[in-house]
Amino acid sequence: MKNTVHSALDAVYLACIWVAGLSILGMSLIIPVGVVTRYVFGFGAQWPEPIAILLMVVFTFIGAAAGYRAGAHIAVGMLTDRLPPALRSAAARAVDVLMLAVSLFMLWYGTKLSMETMGQSLAALPAVPVGLTYAPVPIGGLVTLLFVLERIVFGAQHSRAVVTYDHQVEEAPAVN
């Protein structure tokens, strides 16, 4: 069961990394198009800015979920590093509970916001419903919720091979 959960969440994590990476790639390609059309061709294209903003929202909420699982989120350990081990453990549990609350908030209210604005459309892109632009909020909340529950049940996952950048096993130093 444990391995099945880890394997499934490894796939979710990799999907988050790919979505976040492709979002940055898309922004990197779209923003120069807007600059070129404005300053080289002399007209401002309407679509690059809203698409780039949408990709930034996707990157932010989906990438944040992946960052949480990887332990790459911002953490200020100045206070907790000075606590005794029992209090340090209690503080870690408090953080888990708070992250659970934040991800549930994002999931619930993000879904409400997305559903309530589905009937509106973006001015620059009339074919795109406003609710679609808010969809990364509840999706990111759901993925973060899964990663928080995994952390609560199985512990931190930041040292798993899929999460680390250096997948190679370090070799023992040669003995002369």
C-alpha atoms as a PDB file:
ATOM      1  CA  MET A   1       0.000   0.000   0.000  1.00  0.00           C
ATOM      2  CA  LYS A   2       2.753   2.412   1.002  1.00  0.00           C
ATOM      3  CA  ASN A   3       4.703   1.813  -2.208  1.00  0.00           C
ATOM      4  CA  THR A   4       1.546   2.267  -4.297  1.00  0.00           C
ATOM      5  CA  VAL A   5       0.833   5.620  -2.641  1.00  0.00           C
ATOM      6  CA  HIS A   6       4.433   6.757  -3.094  1.00  0.00           C
ATOM      7  CA  SER A   7       4.484   5.658  -6.733  1.00  0.00           C
ATOM      8  CA  ALA A   8       1.216   7.457  -7.466  1.00  0.00           C
ATOM      9  CA  LEU A   9       2.375  10.637  -5.747  1.00  0.00           C
ATOM     10  CA  ASP A  10       5.744  10.399  -7.515  1.00  0.00           C
ATOM     11  CA  ALA A  11       3.811  10.510 -10.799  1.00  0.00           C
ATOM     12  CA  VAL A  12       1.756  13.472  -9.561  1.00  0.00           C
ATOM     13  CA  TYR A  13       4.965  15.214  -8.478  1.00  0.00           C
ATOM     14  CA  LEU A  14       6.600  14.660 -11.872  1.00  0.00           C
ATOM     15  CA  ALA A  15       3.457  15.931 -13.607  1.00  0.00           C
ATOM     16  CA  CYS A  16       3.622  19.078 -11.441  1.00  0.00           C
ATOM     17  CA  ILE A  17       7.275  19.598 -12.346  1.00  0.00           C
ATOM     18  CA  TRP A  18       6.535  19.202 -16.060  1.00  0.00           C
ATOM     19  CA  VAL A  19       3.510  21.510 -15.954  1.00  0.00           C
ATOM     20  CA  ALA A  20       5.460  24.156 -14.034  1.00  0.00           C
ATOM     21  CA  GLY A  21       8.455  23.840 -16.355  1.00  0.00           C
ATOM     22  CA  LEU A  22       6.343  24.040 -19.495  1.00  0.00           C
ATOM     23  CA  SER A  23       4.577  27.076 -18.037  1.00  0.00           C
ATOM     24  CA  ILE A  24       7.900  28.870 -17.636  1.00  0.00           C
ATOM     25  CA  LEU A  25       8.928  27.811 -21.137  1.00  0.00           C
ATOM     26  CA  GLY A  26       5.628  29.133 -22.500  1.00  0.00           C
ATOM     27  CA  MET A  27       6.085  32.456 -20.704  1.00  0.00           C
ATOM     28  CA  SER A  28       9.634  32.690 -22.016  1.00  0.00           C
ATOM     29  CA  LEU A  29       8.397  32.247 -25.575  1.00  0.00           C
ATOM     30  CA  ILE A  30       5.223  34.345 -25.379  1.00  0.00           C
ATOM     31  CA  ILE A  31       6.578  37.494 -23.704  1.00  0.00           C
ATOM     32  CA  PRO A  32       9.156  38.170 -26.472  1.00  0.00           C
ATOM     33  CA  VAL A  33       6.371  37.777 -29.040  1.00  0.00           C
ATOM     34  CA  GLY A  34       4.482  40.604 -27.324  1.00  0.00           C
ATOM     35  CA  VAL A  35       7.611  42.761 -27.254  1.00  0.00           C
ATOM     36  CA  VAL A  36       8.426  42.120 -30.915  1.00  0.00           C
ATOM     37  CA  THR A  37       4.878  42.818 -32.117  1.00  0.00           C
ATOM     38  CA  ARG A  38       4.770  46.083 -30.163  1.00  0.00           C
ATOM     39  CA  TYR A  39       8.217  47.508 -30.877  1.00  0.00           C
ATOM     40  CA  VAL A  40       9.205  45.917 -34.194  1.00  0.00           C
ATOM     41  CA  PHE A  41       5.878  45.687 -35.997  1.00  0.00           C
ATOM     42  CA  GLY A  42       4.304  48.694 -34.289  1.00  0.00           C
ATOM     43  CA  PHE A  43       1.097  47.089 -32.963  1.00  0.00           C
ATOM     44  CA  GLY A  44       0.360  45.590 -29.586  1.00  0.00           C
ATOM     45  CA  ALA A  45      -0.939  42.034 -29.755  1.00  0.00           C
ATOM     46  CA  GLN A  46      -3.712  41.504 -27.208  1.00  0.00           C
ATOM     47  CA  TRP A  47      -3.084  37.875 -26.323  1.00  0.00           C
ATOM     48  CA  PRO A  48       0.539  37.586 -25.022  1.00  0.00           C
ATOM     49  CA  GLU A  49       0.024  39.330 -21.684  1.00  0.00           C
ATOM     50  CA  PRO A  50      -3.089  37.430 -20.486  1.00  0.00           C
ATOM     51  CA  ILE A  51      -1.621  34.105 -21.617  1.00  0.00           C
ATOM     52  CA  ALA A  52       1.658  34.857 -19.821  1.00  0.00           C
ATOM     53  CA  ILE A  53      -0.253  35.805 -16.661  1.00  0.00           C
ATOM     54  CA  LEU A  54      -2.292  32.596 -16.841  1.00  0.00           C
ATOM     55  CA  LEU A  55       0.913  30.564 -17.233  1.00  0.00           C
ATOM     56  CA  MET A  56       2.395  32.389 -14.233  1.00  0.00           C
ATOM     57  CA  VAL A  57      -0.625  31.433 -12.125  1.00  0.00           C
ATOM     58  CA  VAL A  58      -0.259  27.804 -13.255  1.00  0.00           C
ATOM     59  CA  PHE A  59       3.461  27.868 -12.462  1.00  0.00           C
ATOM     60  CA  THR A  60       2.867  29.434  -9.051  1.00  0.00           C
ATOM     61  CA  PHE A  61       0.225  27.073  -7.691  1.00  0.00           C
ATOM     62  CA  ILE A  62       1.326  23.824  -9.339  1.00  0.00           C
ATOM     63  CA  GLY A  63       5.021  24.561  -8.771  1.00  0.00           C
ATOM     64  CA  ALA A  64       4.344  25.420  -5.119  1.00  0.00           C
ATOM     65  CA  ALA A  65       2.810  21.989  -4.570  1.00  0.00           C
ATOM     66  CA  ALA A  66       5.880  20.311  -6.066  1.00  0.00           C
ATOM     67  CA  GLY A  67       8.144  22.579  -4.035  1.00  0.00           C
ATOM     68  CA  TYR A  68       6.332  21.570  -0.847  1.00  0.00           C
ATOM     69  CA  ARG A  69       6.891  17.869  -1.510  1.00  0.00           C
ATOM     70  CA  ALA A  70      10.529  18.468  -2.385  1.00  0.00           C
ATOM     71  CA  GLY A  71      11.082  20.456   0.803  1.00  0.00           C
ATOM     72  CA  ALA A  72      12.170  23.405  -1.354  1.00  0.00           C
ATOM     73  CA  HIS A  73       9.677  25.846   0.131  1.00  0.00           C
ATOM     74  CA  ILE A  74      10.747  28.810   2.201  1.00  0.00           C
ATOM     75  CA  ALA A  75      11.352  27.790   5.794  1.00  0.00           C
ATOM     76  CA  VAL A  76      12.766  29.970   8.516  1.00  0.00           C
ATOM     77  CA  GLY A  77      14.423  27.680  11.006  1.00  0.00           C
ATOM     78  CA  MET A  78      15.914  30.337  13.240  1.00  0.00           C
ATOM     79  CA  LEU A  79      13.380  29.715  16.008  1.00  0.00           C
ATOM     80  CA  THR A  80      12.695  26.008  15.516  1.00  0.00           C
ATOM     81  CA  ASP A  81      16.387  25.106  15.341  1.00  0.00           C
ATOM     82  CA  ARG A  82      16.793  26.404  18.887  1.00  0.00           C
ATOM     83  CA  LEU A  83      13.850  24.454  20.316  1.00  0.00           C
ATOM     84  CA  PRO A  84      14.300  21.207  22.228  1.00  0.00           C
ATOM     85  CA  PRO A  85      13.557  18.106  20.113  1.00  0.00           C
ATOM     86  CA  ALA A  86      10.075  17.566  21.617  1.00  0.00           C
ATOM     87  CA  LEU A  87       9.004  21.135  20.860  1.00  0.00           C
ATOM     88  CA  ARG A  88      10.624  20.971  17.424  1.00  0.00           C
ATOM     89  CA  SER A  89       8.481  17.929  16.661  1.00  0.00           C
ATOM     90  CA  ALA A  90       5.367  19.738  17.931  1.00  0.00           C
ATOM     91  CA  ALA A  91       6.182  22.738  15.745  1.00  0.00           C
ATOM     92  CA  ALA A  92       6.560  20.457  12.716  1.00  0.00           C
ATOM     93  CA  ARG A  93       3.132  18.937  13.443  1.00  0.00           C
ATOM     94  CA  ALA A  94       1.655  22.427  13.806  1.00  0.00           C
ATOM     95  CA  VAL A  95       3.064  23.334  10.395  1.00  0.00           C
ATOM     96  CA  ASP A  96       1.502  20.177   8.936  1.00  0.00           C
ATOM     97  CA  VAL A  97      -1.898  21.106  10.387  1.00  0.00           C
ATOM     98  CA  LEU A  98      -1.593  24.677   9.101  1.00  0.00           C
ATOM     99  CA  MET A  99      -0.600  23.450   5.627  1.00  0.00           C
ATOM    100  CA  LEU A 100      -3.576  21.099   5.716  1.00  0.00           C
ATOM    101  CA  ALA A 101      -5.833  24.077   6.504  1.00  0.00           C
ATOM    102  CA  VAL A 102      -4.285  26.225   3.761  1.00  0.00           C
ATOM    103  CA  SER A 103      -4.639  23.516   1.117  1.00  0.00           C
ATOM    104  CA  LEU A 104      -8.266  22.844   2.136  1.00  0.00           C
ATOM    105  CA  PHE A 105      -8.944  26.602   1.956  1.00  0.00           C
ATOM    106  CA  MET A 106      -7.424  26.764  -1.538  1.00  0.00           C
ATOM    107  CA  LEU A 107      -9.379  23.721  -2.658  1.00  0.00           C
ATOM    108  CA  TRP A 108     -12.763  24.873  -1.289  1.00  0.00           C
ATOM    109  CA  TYR A 109     -12.683  28.580  -2.049  1.00  0.00           C
ATOM    110  CA  GLY A 110     -10.668  28.180  -5.246  1.00  0.00           C
ATOM    111  CA  THR A 111     -13.303  25.788  -6.575  1.00  0.00           C
ATOM    112  CA  LYS A 112     -16.075  28.217  -5.597  1.00  0.00           C
ATOM    113  CA  LEU A 113     -14.288  31.118  -7.258  1.00  0.00           C
ATOM    114  CA  SER A 114     -13.575  29.141 -10.400  1.00  0.00           C
ATOM    115  CA  MET A 115     -17.141  27.847 -10.710  1.00  0.00           C
ATOM    116  CA  GLU A 116     -18.752  31.232 -10.023  1.00  0.00           C
ATOM    117  CA  THR A 117     -16.699  32.975 -12.713  1.00  0.00           C
ATOM    118  CA  MET A 118     -17.052  30.310 -15.391  1.00  0.00           C
ATOM    119  CA  GLY A 119     -19.788  32.316 -17.135  1.00  0.00           C
ATOM    120  CA  GLN A 120     -17.528  35.351 -17.631  1.00  0.00           C
ATOM    121  CA  SER A 121     -14.884  35.648 -20.321  1.00  0.00           C
ATOM    122  CA  LEU A 122     -11.549  37.429 -20.524  1.00  0.00           C
ATOM    123  CA  ALA A 123     -11.701  40.728 -22.417  1.00  0.00           C
ATOM    124  CA  ALA A 124      -8.519  40.047 -24.402  1.00  0.00           C
ATOM    125  CA  LEU A 125      -9.430  36.372 -25.011  1.00  0.00           C
ATOM    126  CA  PRO A 126     -13.221  36.061 -25.244  1.00  0.00           C
ATOM    127  CA  ALA A 127     -13.066  32.293 -25.822  1.00  0.00           C
ATOM    128  CA  VAL A 128     -11.406  31.724 -22.418  1.00  0.00           C
ATOM    129  CA  PRO A 129     -13.705  31.701 -19.370  1.00  0.00           C
ATOM    130  CA  VAL A 130     -12.441  33.611 -16.337  1.00  0.00           C
ATOM    131  CA  GLY A 131     -13.070  30.535 -14.180  1.00  0.00           C
ATOM    132  CA  LEU A 132     -10.448  28.668 -16.175  1.00  0.00           C
ATOM    133  CA  THR A 133      -7.840  31.235 -15.145  1.00  0.00           C
ATOM    134  CA  TYR A 134      -8.642  30.494 -11.487  1.00  0.00           C
ATOM    135  CA  ALA A 135      -8.576  26.697 -11.921  1.00  0.00           C
ATOM    136  CA  PRO A 136      -4.890  26.357 -10.899  1.00  0.00           C
ATOM    137  CA  VAL A 137      -5.825  27.507  -7.376  1.00  0.00           C
ATOM    138  CA  PRO A 138      -8.036  24.506  -6.460  1.00  0.00           C
ATOM    139  CA  ILE A 139      -5.881  22.112  -8.482  1.00  0.00           C
ATOM    140  CA  GLY A 140      -2.781  23.304  -6.626  1.00  0.00           C
ATOM    141  CA  GLY A 141      -4.724  23.055  -3.363  1.00  0.00           C
ATOM    142  CA  LEU A 142      -5.714  19.456  -4.107  1.00  0.00           C
ATOM    143  CA  VAL A 143      -2.181  18.415  -5.030  1.00  0.00           C
ATOM    144  CA  THR A 144      -0.746  20.196  -1.984  1.00  0.00           C
ATOM    145  CA  LEU A 145      -3.368  18.466   0.174  1.00  0.00           C
ATOM    146  CA  LEU A 146      -2.235  15.082  -1.168  1.00  0.00           C
ATOM    147  CA  PHE A 147       1.405  15.925  -0.446  1.00  0.00           C
ATOM    148  CA  VAL A 148       0.563  17.203   3.063  1.00  0.00           C
ATOM    149  CA  LEU A 149      -1.363  14.017   3.861  1.00  0.00           C
ATOM    150  CA  GLU A 150       1.562  11.971   2.543  1.00  0.00           C
ATOM    151  CA  ARG A 151       3.913  13.920   4.812  1.00  0.00           C
ATOM    152  CA  ILE A 152       1.642  13.452   7.845  1.00  0.00           C
ATOM    153  CA  VAL A 153       1.219   9.709   7.272  1.00  0.00           C
ATOM    154  CA  PHE A 154       4.617   8.698   5.853  1.00  0.00           C
ATOM    155  CA  GLY A 155       6.951  11.551   6.800  1.00  0.00           C
ATOM    156  CA  ALA A 156       8.902  13.999   4.652  1.00  0.00           C
ATOM    157  CA  GLN A 157       9.598  12.889   1.089  1.00  0.00           C
ATOM    158  CA  HIS A 158      12.279  15.390   0.119  1.00  0.00           C
ATOM    159  CA  SER A 159      15.008  12.736   0.036  1.00  0.00           C
ATOM    160  CA  ARG A 160      13.236  10.418  -2.419  1.00  0.00           C
ATOM    161  CA  ALA A 161      15.136   9.794  -5.666  1.00  0.00           C
ATOM    162  CA  VAL A 162      12.385  11.346  -7.793  1.00  0.00           C
ATOM    163  CA  VAL A 163      12.600  14.568  -5.799  1.00  0.00           C
ATOM    164  CA  THR A 164      16.373  14.988  -5.671  1.00  0.00           C
ATOM    165  CA  TYR A 165      18.391  16.344  -8.561  1.00  0.00           C
ATOM    166  CA  ASP A 166      21.347  14.046  -8.099  1.00  0.00           C
ATOM    167  CA  HIS A 167      19.874  10.604  -8.721  1.00  0.00           C
ATOM    168  CA  GLN A 168      23.262   8.937  -8.934  1.00  0.00           C
ATOM    169  CA  VAL A 169      24.504   7.018  -5.957  1.00  0.00           C
ATOM    170  CA  GLU A 170      27.742   8.426  -4.655  1.00  0.00           C
ATOM    171  CA  GLU A 171      30.581   5.987  -5.060  1.00  0.00           C
ATOM    172  CA  ALA A 172      32.881   5.177  -2.190  1.00  0.00           C
ATOM    173  CA  PRO A 173      36.235   6.959  -2.418  1.00  0.00           C
ATOM    174  CA  ALA A 174      38.986   4.902  -3.978  1.00  0.00           C
ATOM    175  CA  VAL A 175      41.415   3.382  -1.508  1.00  0.00           C
ATOM    176  CA  ASN A 176      45.070   3.494  -2.553  1.00  0.00           C
END
